[in-house]
Amino acid sequence: MRPAIFSLLVLLVVSCNSTAGVKPIASPDPDVQCPAGRLNWNLQISDQRAERRDSEHVVTLVRDSLSRSLPGCRWTGGAEAGTISIEIHRFGARLDEAMWDAAAEWTVSVRDAAGRTLTEFDSSSELSRPNYRNVNNERALLQETLEEAMQRTLKGLRAVSPAG
Protein backbone atom coordinates (compact mmCIF):
# COMPACT_ATOMS: atom_id res chain seq x y z
CA MET A 1 0.00 0.00 0.00
CA ARG A 2 2.84 2.40 0.78
CA PRO A 3 4.34 2.30 -2.74
CA ALA A 4 0.95 3.29 -4.19
CA ILE A 5 0.66 6.27 -1.83
CA PHE A 6 4.24 7.30 -2.59
CA SER A 7 3.59 7.10 -6.34
CA LEU A 8 0.47 9.22 -5.98
CA LEU A 9 2.37 11.86 -3.99
CA VAL A 10 5.15 11.97 -6.58
CA LEU A 11 2.59 12.39 -9.36
CA LEU A 12 0.88 15.25 -7.50
CA VAL A 13 4.16 17.05 -6.82
CA VAL A 14 5.32 16.70 -10.43
CA SER A 15 2.00 17.90 -11.84
CA CYS A 16 1.63 20.95 -9.58
CA ASN A 17 2.67 24.34 -10.95
CA SER A 18 4.51 22.97 -13.95
CA THR A 19 4.92 24.20 -17.49
CA ALA A 20 5.11 20.63 -18.79
CA GLY A 21 3.07 20.28 -21.94
CA VAL A 22 3.07 24.01 -22.76
CA LYS A 23 4.37 24.42 -26.30
CA PRO A 24 6.03 27.36 -28.08
CA ILE A 25 3.81 29.37 -30.38
CA ALA A 26 4.46 30.21 -34.01
CA SER A 27 3.02 33.40 -35.42
CA PRO A 28 5.10 34.44 -38.44
CA ASP A 29 4.25 37.60 -40.36
CA PRO A 30 5.28 37.47 -44.05
CA ASP A 31 5.71 41.26 -44.08
CA VAL A 32 8.07 41.43 -41.07
CA GLN A 33 10.54 38.56 -41.01
CA CYS A 34 12.83 40.22 -38.46
CA PRO A 35 12.74 43.45 -36.35
CA ALA A 36 14.12 46.69 -37.80
CA GLY A 37 14.87 45.03 -41.13
CA ARG A 38 18.02 43.43 -39.66
CA LEU A 39 18.77 39.75 -40.04
CA ASN A 40 21.34 39.24 -37.28
CA TRP A 41 20.42 39.59 -33.61
CA ASN A 42 21.80 38.51 -30.28
CA LEU A 43 19.02 37.12 -28.08
CA GLN A 44 19.30 37.26 -24.30
CA ILE A 45 16.52 35.77 -22.18
CA SER A 46 16.76 35.72 -18.41
CA ASP A 47 14.40 34.31 -15.83
CA GLN A 48 13.97 36.90 -13.07
CA ARG A 49 10.96 35.28 -11.39
CA ALA A 50 10.91 34.94 -7.61
CA GLU A 51 10.29 31.19 -7.96
CA ARG A 52 12.21 29.82 -10.92
CA ARG A 53 10.43 26.48 -11.21
CA ASP A 54 10.90 25.01 -14.71
CA SER A 55 13.22 27.93 -15.53
CA GLU A 56 14.99 26.24 -18.42
CA HIS A 57 11.68 25.24 -20.00
CA VAL A 58 10.19 28.74 -19.62
CA VAL A 59 13.24 30.36 -21.23
CA THR A 60 13.11 27.78 -24.04
CA LEU A 61 9.38 28.46 -24.60
CA VAL A 62 10.05 32.19 -25.09
CA ARG A 63 13.17 31.59 -27.23
CA ASP A 64 11.47 29.01 -29.48
CA SER A 65 8.35 31.14 -29.83
CA LEU A 66 10.45 34.08 -31.04
CA SER A 67 12.47 31.90 -33.40
CA ARG A 68 9.36 30.38 -34.95
CA SER A 69 7.56 33.71 -35.23
CA LEU A 70 10.52 35.64 -36.66
CA PRO A 71 11.89 33.09 -39.15
CA GLY A 72 14.01 35.64 -41.03
CA CYS A 73 16.24 36.29 -38.02
CA ARG A 74 19.61 34.72 -37.30
CA TRP A 75 20.07 34.55 -33.52
CA THR A 76 23.85 34.26 -33.49
CA GLY A 77 24.51 37.84 -34.44
CA GLY A 78 27.94 38.52 -32.94
CA ALA A 79 29.50 41.88 -32.14
CA GLU A 80 27.99 43.79 -35.09
CA ALA A 81 24.43 42.74 -34.31
CA GLY A 82 21.88 44.38 -32.07
CA THR A 83 20.49 42.69 -28.98
CA ILE A 84 16.97 41.73 -28.03
CA SER A 85 16.78 41.18 -24.27
CA ILE A 86 13.84 39.67 -22.44
CA GLU A 87 13.60 39.57 -18.65
CA ILE A 88 10.85 37.22 -17.50
CA HIS A 89 9.19 38.47 -14.31
CA ARG A 90 6.18 36.15 -14.08
CA PHE A 91 5.04 32.97 -15.77
CA GLY A 92 2.87 30.58 -13.87
CA ALA A 93 -0.60 29.53 -12.80
CA ARG A 94 -2.23 28.82 -9.48
CA LEU A 95 -5.51 27.39 -8.31
CA ASP A 96 -7.51 29.60 -5.96
CA GLU A 97 -10.60 27.75 -4.74
CA ALA A 98 -12.49 26.92 -7.96
CA MET A 99 -10.62 29.31 -10.31
CA TRP A 100 -7.28 29.09 -12.08
CA ASP A 101 -5.30 32.33 -12.46
CA ALA A 102 -2.31 32.57 -14.80
CA ALA A 103 0.10 35.36 -15.63
CA ALA A 104 2.96 35.99 -18.03
CA GLU A 105 4.96 39.17 -17.75
CA TRP A 106 8.30 40.22 -19.17
CA THR A 107 10.27 43.29 -20.21
CA VAL A 108 11.64 43.50 -23.74
CA SER A 109 14.44 45.84 -24.75
CA VAL A 110 15.97 46.18 -28.19
CA ARG A 111 19.39 47.77 -28.62
CA ASP A 112 21.43 48.36 -31.74
CA ALA A 113 25.05 47.21 -32.05
CA ALA A 114 26.27 50.49 -30.52
CA GLY A 115 24.10 49.90 -27.43
CA ARG A 116 21.48 52.56 -28.20
CA THR A 117 17.99 51.59 -27.12
CA LEU A 118 15.66 51.25 -30.10
CA THR A 119 12.66 50.34 -27.95
CA GLU A 120 11.72 49.01 -24.54
CA PHE A 121 8.32 47.75 -23.49
CA ASP A 122 6.52 45.39 -21.14
CA SER A 123 4.48 42.48 -22.36
CA SER A 124 1.98 40.80 -20.10
CA SER A 125 -1.11 38.66 -19.96
CA GLU A 126 -3.34 37.72 -17.04
CA LEU A 127 -6.12 35.19 -17.54
CA SER A 128 -8.55 33.28 -15.32
CA ARG A 129 -10.85 30.35 -15.87
CA PRO A 130 -12.93 27.95 -13.80
CA ASN A 131 -11.44 24.64 -12.74
CA TYR A 132 -13.07 22.36 -15.32
CA ARG A 133 -13.19 18.63 -14.69
CA ASN A 134 -11.19 16.19 -16.81
CA VAL A 135 -9.04 18.99 -18.26
CA ASN A 136 -5.47 20.02 -17.51
CA ASN A 137 -6.58 23.53 -16.61
CA GLU A 138 -3.12 24.71 -15.59
CA ARG A 139 -1.50 23.72 -18.89
CA ALA A 140 -4.37 25.08 -21.02
CA LEU A 141 -4.37 28.42 -19.21
CA LEU A 142 -0.59 28.74 -19.33
CA GLN A 143 -0.69 28.05 -23.07
CA GLU A 144 -3.29 30.79 -23.60
CA THR A 145 -1.33 33.20 -21.42
CA LEU A 146 1.90 32.50 -23.33
CA GLU A 147 0.16 33.06 -26.65
CA GLU A 148 -1.36 36.39 -25.57
CA ALA A 149 1.88 37.75 -24.06
CA MET A 150 3.91 36.57 -27.06
CA GLN A 151 1.49 38.25 -29.50
CA ARG A 152 2.05 41.53 -27.63
CA THR A 153 5.81 40.95 -27.72
CA LEU A 154 5.80 40.27 -31.46
CA LYS A 155 3.68 43.35 -32.12
CA GLY A 156 6.24 45.48 -30.26
CA LEU A 157 9.21 43.88 -32.01
CA ARG A 158 7.66 44.17 -35.46
CA ALA A 159 7.12 47.91 -34.88
CA VAL A 160 10.85 48.56 -34.31
CA SER A 161 12.38 50.73 -36.99
CA PRO A 162 16.12 50.86 -37.76
CA ALA A 163 16.36 54.35 -36.23
CA GLY A 164 14.35 53.42 -33.12
C-alpha atoms as a PDB file:
ATOM      1  CA  MET A   1       0.000   0.000   0.000  1.00  0.00           C
ATOM      2  CA  ARG A   2       2.836   2.398   0.782  1.00  0.00           C
ATOM      3  CA  PRO A   3       4.336   2.300  -2.737  1.00  0.00           C
ATOM      4  CA  ALA A   4       0.952   3.289  -4.191  1.00  0.00           C
ATOM      5  CA  ILE A   5       0.656   6.270  -1.834  1.00  0.00           C
ATOM      6  CA  PHE A   6       4.245   7.296  -2.590  1.00  0.00           C
ATOM      7  CA  SER A   7       3.591   7.100  -6.344  1.00  0.00           C
ATOM      8  CA  LEU A   8       0.472   9.218  -5.975  1.00  0.00           C
ATOM      9  CA  LEU A   9       2.366  11.863  -3.986  1.00  0.00           C
ATOM     10  CA  VAL A  10       5.155  11.970  -6.578  1.00  0.00           C
ATOM     11  CA  LEU A  11       2.592  12.387  -9.356  1.00  0.00           C
ATOM     12  CA  LEU A  12       0.878  15.248  -7.497  1.00  0.00           C
ATOM     13  CA  VAL A  13       4.160  17.047  -6.820  1.00  0.00           C
ATOM     14  CA  VAL A  14       5.317  16.700 -10.426  1.00  0.00           C
ATOM     15  CA  SER A  15       2.001  17.901 -11.839  1.00  0.00           C
ATOM     16  CA  CYS A  16       1.633  20.950  -9.584  1.00  0.00           C
ATOM     17  CA  ASN A  17       2.667  24.336 -10.945  1.00  0.00           C
ATOM     18  CA  SER A  18       4.508  22.969 -13.947  1.00  0.00           C
ATOM     19  CA  THR A  19       4.920  24.201 -17.490  1.00  0.00           C
ATOM     20  CA  ALA A  20       5.114  20.629 -18.795  1.00  0.00           C
ATOM     21  CA  GLY A  21       3.069  20.285 -21.944  1.00  0.00           C
ATOM     22  CA  VAL A  22       3.074  24.014 -22.758  1.00  0.00           C
ATOM     23  CA  LYS A  23       4.373  24.424 -26.299  1.00  0.00           C
ATOM     24  CA  PRO A  24       6.028  27.358 -28.084  1.00  0.00           C
ATOM     25  CA  ILE A  25       3.806  29.374 -30.378  1.00  0.00           C
ATOM     26  CA  ALA A  26       4.463  30.212 -34.006  1.00  0.00           C
ATOM     27  CA  SER A  27       3.018  33.400 -35.423  1.00  0.00           C
ATOM     28  CA  PRO A  28       5.095  34.444 -38.439  1.00  0.00           C
ATOM     29  CA  ASP A  29       4.246  37.597 -40.363  1.00  0.00           C
ATOM     30  CA  PRO A  30       5.277  37.468 -44.046  1.00  0.00           C
ATOM     31  CA  ASP A  31       5.706  41.260 -44.076  1.00  0.00           C
ATOM     32  CA  VAL A  32       8.070  41.432 -41.073  1.00  0.00           C
ATOM     33  CA  GLN A  33      10.543  38.558 -41.010  1.00  0.00           C
ATOM     34  CA  CYS A  34      12.834  40.218 -38.461  1.00  0.00           C
ATOM     35  CA  PRO A  35      12.742  43.448 -36.355  1.00  0.00           C
ATOM     36  CA  ALA A  36      14.116  46.694 -37.796  1.00  0.00           C
ATOM     37  CA  GLY A  37      14.872  45.029 -41.128  1.00  0.00           C
ATOM     38  CA  ARG A  38      18.018  43.431 -39.656  1.00  0.00           C
ATOM     39  CA  LEU A  39      18.769  39.749 -40.042  1.00  0.00           C
ATOM     40  CA  ASN A  40      21.340  39.239 -37.278  1.00  0.00           C
ATOM     41  CA  TRP A  41      20.424  39.592 -33.609  1.00  0.00           C
ATOM     42  CA  ASN A  42      21.796  38.509 -30.281  1.00  0.00           C
ATOM     43  CA  LEU A  43      19.020  37.125 -28.084  1.00  0.00           C
ATOM     44  CA  GLN A  44      19.299  37.256 -24.302  1.00  0.00           C
ATOM     45  CA  ILE A  45      16.522  35.772 -22.180  1.00  0.00           C
ATOM     46  CA  SER A  46      16.764  35.720 -18.408  1.00  0.00           C
ATOM     47  CA  ASP A  47      14.400  34.307 -15.828  1.00  0.00           C
ATOM     48  CA  GLN A  48      13.967  36.902 -13.067  1.00  0.00           C
ATOM     49  CA  ARG A  49      10.964  35.281 -11.392  1.00  0.00           C
ATOM     50  CA  ALA A  50      10.908  34.944  -7.607  1.00  0.00           C
ATOM     51  CA  GLU A  51      10.290  31.189  -7.959  1.00  0.00           C
ATOM     52  CA  ARG A  52      12.206  29.816 -10.917  1.00  0.00           C
ATOM     53  CA  ARG A  53      10.434  26.476 -11.212  1.00  0.00           C
ATOM     54  CA  ASP A  54      10.898  25.011 -14.711  1.00  0.00           C
ATOM     55  CA  SER A  55      13.216  27.930 -15.526  1.00  0.00           C
ATOM     56  CA  GLU A  56      14.988  26.243 -18.418  1.00  0.00           C
ATOM     57  CA  HIS A  57      11.680  25.236 -20.005  1.00  0.00           C
ATOM     58  CA  VAL A  58      10.185  28.738 -19.617  1.00  0.00           C
ATOM     59  CA  VAL A  59      13.240  30.356 -21.235  1.00  0.00           C
ATOM     60  CA  THR A  60      13.111  27.776 -24.040  1.00  0.00           C
ATOM     61  CA  LEU A  61       9.381  28.464 -24.601  1.00  0.00           C
ATOM     62  CA  VAL A  62      10.048  32.186 -25.094  1.00  0.00           C
ATOM     63  CA  ARG A  63      13.167  31.589 -27.231  1.00  0.00           C
ATOM     64  CA  ASP A  64      11.472  29.009 -29.477  1.00  0.00           C
ATOM     65  CA  SER A  65       8.346  31.142 -29.833  1.00  0.00           C
ATOM     66  CA  LEU A  66      10.451  34.084 -31.036  1.00  0.00           C
ATOM     67  CA  SER A  67      12.473  31.896 -33.397  1.00  0.00           C
ATOM     68  CA  ARG A  68       9.359  30.376 -34.952  1.00  0.00           C
ATOM     69  CA  SER A  69       7.564  33.707 -35.231  1.00  0.00           C
ATOM     70  CA  LEU A  70      10.517  35.642 -36.655  1.00  0.00           C
ATOM     71  CA  PRO A  71      11.886  33.094 -39.155  1.00  0.00           C
ATOM     72  CA  GLY A  72      14.005  35.638 -41.031  1.00  0.00           C
ATOM     73  CA  CYS A  73      16.243  36.294 -38.020  1.00  0.00           C
ATOM     74  CA  ARG A  74      19.607  34.722 -37.302  1.00  0.00           C
ATOM     75  CA  TRP A  75      20.069  34.551 -33.525  1.00  0.00           C
ATOM     76  CA  THR A  76      23.855  34.264 -33.485  1.00  0.00           C
ATOM     77  CA  GLY A  77      24.513  37.844 -34.435  1.00  0.00           C
ATOM     78  CA  GLY A  78      27.938  38.515 -32.938  1.00  0.00           C
ATOM     79  CA  ALA A  79      29.504  41.882 -32.137  1.00  0.00           C
ATOM     80  CA  GLU A  80      27.992  43.792 -35.090  1.00  0.00           C
ATOM     81  CA  ALA A  81      24.429  42.741 -34.312  1.00  0.00           C
ATOM     82  CA  GLY A  82      21.884  44.376 -32.073  1.00  0.00           C
ATOM     83  CA  THR A  83      20.494  42.687 -28.984  1.00  0.00           C
ATOM     84  CA  ILE A  84      16.968  41.728 -28.034  1.00  0.00           C
ATOM     85  CA  SER A  85      16.776  41.175 -24.273  1.00  0.00           C
ATOM     86  CA  ILE A  86      13.839  39.665 -22.444  1.00  0.00           C
ATOM     87  CA  GLU A  87      13.603  39.565 -18.652  1.00  0.00           C
ATOM     88  CA  ILE A  88      10.855  37.218 -17.503  1.00  0.00           C
ATOM     89  CA  HIS A  89       9.187  38.472 -14.310  1.00  0.00           C
ATOM     90  CA  ARG A  90       6.175  36.148 -14.077  1.00  0.00           C
ATOM     91  CA  PHE A  91       5.042  32.966 -15.766  1.00  0.00           C
ATOM     92  CA  GLY A  92       2.868  30.580 -13.869  1.00  0.00           C
ATOM     93  CA  ALA A  93      -0.596  29.531 -12.798  1.00  0.00           C
ATOM     94  CA  ARG A  94      -2.232  28.818  -9.485  1.00  0.00           C
ATOM     95  CA  LEU A  95      -5.512  27.387  -8.308  1.00  0.00           C
ATOM     96  CA  ASP A  96      -7.512  29.603  -5.960  1.00  0.00           C
ATOM     97  CA  GLU A  97     -10.600  27.753  -4.744  1.00  0.00           C
ATOM     98  CA  ALA A  98     -12.491  26.920  -7.964  1.00  0.00           C
ATOM     99  CA  MET A  99     -10.619  29.308 -10.309  1.00  0.00           C
ATOM    100  CA  TRP A 100      -7.278  29.089 -12.083  1.00  0.00           C
ATOM    101  CA  ASP A 101      -5.295  32.327 -12.465  1.00  0.00           C
ATOM    102  CA  ALA A 102      -2.309  32.571 -14.804  1.00  0.00           C
ATOM    103  CA  ALA A 103       0.098  35.364 -15.634  1.00  0.00           C
ATOM    104  CA  ALA A 104       2.964  35.986 -18.026  1.00  0.00           C
ATOM    105  CA  GLU A 105       4.964  39.172 -17.746  1.00  0.00           C
ATOM    106  CA  TRP A 106       8.305  40.217 -19.172  1.00  0.00           C
ATOM    107  CA  THR A 107      10.266  43.293 -20.206  1.00  0.00           C
ATOM    108  CA  VAL A 108      11.636  43.502 -23.743  1.00  0.00           C
ATOM    109  CA  SER A 109      14.445  45.838 -24.747  1.00  0.00           C
ATOM    110  CA  VAL A 110      15.966  46.182 -28.189  1.00  0.00           C
ATOM    111  CA  ARG A 111      19.390  47.774 -28.621  1.00  0.00           C
ATOM    112  CA  ASP A 112      21.430  48.355 -31.744  1.00  0.00           C
ATOM    113  CA  ALA A 113      25.048  47.205 -32.054  1.00  0.00           C
ATOM    114  CA  ALA A 114      26.275  50.486 -30.517  1.00  0.00           C
ATOM    115  CA  GLY A 115      24.098  49.896 -27.431  1.00  0.00           C
ATOM    116  CA  ARG A 116      21.477  52.560 -28.203  1.00  0.00           C
ATOM    117  CA  THR A 117      17.990  51.593 -27.115  1.00  0.00           C
ATOM    118  CA  LEU A 118      15.659  51.253 -30.097  1.00  0.00           C
ATOM    119  CA  THR A 119      12.656  50.339 -27.948  1.00  0.00           C
ATOM    120  CA  GLU A 120      11.724  49.011 -24.543  1.00  0.00           C
ATOM    121  CA  PHE A 121       8.316  47.747 -23.491  1.00  0.00           C
ATOM    122  CA  ASP A 122       6.520  45.391 -21.145  1.00  0.00           C
ATOM    123  CA  SER A 123       4.479  42.481 -22.356  1.00  0.00           C
ATOM    124  CA  SER A 124       1.977  40.802 -20.096  1.00  0.00           C
ATOM    125  CA  SER A 125      -1.110  38.661 -19.956  1.00  0.00           C
ATOM    126  CA  GLU A 126      -3.339  37.715 -17.041  1.00  0.00           C
ATOM    127  CA  LEU A 127      -6.124  35.194 -17.537  1.00  0.00           C
ATOM    128  CA  SER A 128      -8.550  33.284 -15.319  1.00  0.00           C
ATOM    129  CA  ARG A 129     -10.848  30.350 -15.866  1.00  0.00           C
ATOM    130  CA  PRO A 130     -12.929  27.949 -13.802  1.00  0.00           C
ATOM    131  CA  ASN A 131     -11.437  24.638 -12.744  1.00  0.00           C
ATOM    132  CA  TYR A 132     -13.067  22.361 -15.318  1.00  0.00           C
ATOM    133  CA  ARG A 133     -13.192  18.626 -14.687  1.00  0.00           C
ATOM    134  CA  ASN A 134     -11.187  16.192 -16.811  1.00  0.00           C
ATOM    135  CA  VAL A 135      -9.042  18.987 -18.262  1.00  0.00           C
ATOM    136  CA  ASN A 136      -5.468  20.017 -17.508  1.00  0.00           C
ATOM    137  CA  ASN A 137      -6.575  23.533 -16.614  1.00  0.00           C
ATOM    138  CA  GLU A 138      -3.115  24.707 -15.593  1.00  0.00           C
ATOM    139  CA  ARG A 139      -1.499  23.720 -18.894  1.00  0.00           C
ATOM    140  CA  ALA A 140      -4.372  25.081 -21.017  1.00  0.00           C
ATOM    141  CA  LEU A 141      -4.369  28.418 -19.208  1.00  0.00           C
ATOM    142  CA  LEU A 142      -0.587  28.741 -19.330  1.00  0.00           C
ATOM    143  CA  GLN A 143      -0.692  28.046 -23.074  1.00  0.00           C
ATOM    144  CA  GLU A 144      -3.295  30.791 -23.604  1.00  0.00           C
ATOM    145  CA  THR A 145      -1.328  33.195 -21.415  1.00  0.00           C
ATOM    146  CA  LEU A 146       1.900  32.500 -23.326  1.00  0.00           C
ATOM    147  CA  GLU A 147       0.156  33.064 -26.653  1.00  0.00           C
ATOM    148  CA  GLU A 148      -1.358  36.386 -25.574  1.00  0.00           C
ATOM    149  CA  ALA A 149       1.882  37.746 -24.059  1.00  0.00           C
ATOM    150  CA  MET A 150       3.909  36.566 -27.064  1.00  0.00           C
ATOM    151  CA  GLN A 151       1.488  38.251 -29.498  1.00  0.00           C
ATOM    152  CA  ARG A 152       2.053  41.531 -27.633  1.00  0.00           C
ATOM    153  CA  THR A 153       5.806  40.951 -27.716  1.00  0.00           C
ATOM    154  CA  LEU A 154       5.796  40.273 -31.463  1.00  0.00           C
ATOM    155  CA  LYS A 155       3.678  43.352 -32.119  1.00  0.00           C
ATOM    156  CA  GLY A 156       6.240  45.480 -30.257  1.00  0.00           C
ATOM    157  CA  LEU A 157       9.206  43.883 -32.007  1.00  0.00           C
ATOM    158  CA  ARG A 158       7.655  44.174 -35.462  1.00  0.00           C
ATOM    159  CA  ALA A 159       7.123  47.907 -34.881  1.00  0.00           C
ATOM    160  CA  VAL A 160      10.853  48.558 -34.306  1.00  0.00           C
ATOM    161  CA  SER A 161      12.383  50.732 -36.986  1.00  0.00           C
ATOM    162  CA  PRO A 162      16.120  50.864 -37.759  1.00  0.00           C
ATOM    163  CA  ALA A 163      16.359  54.346 -36.227  1.00  0.00           C
ATOM    164  CA  GLY A 164      14.346  53.416 -33.116  1.00  0.00           C
END
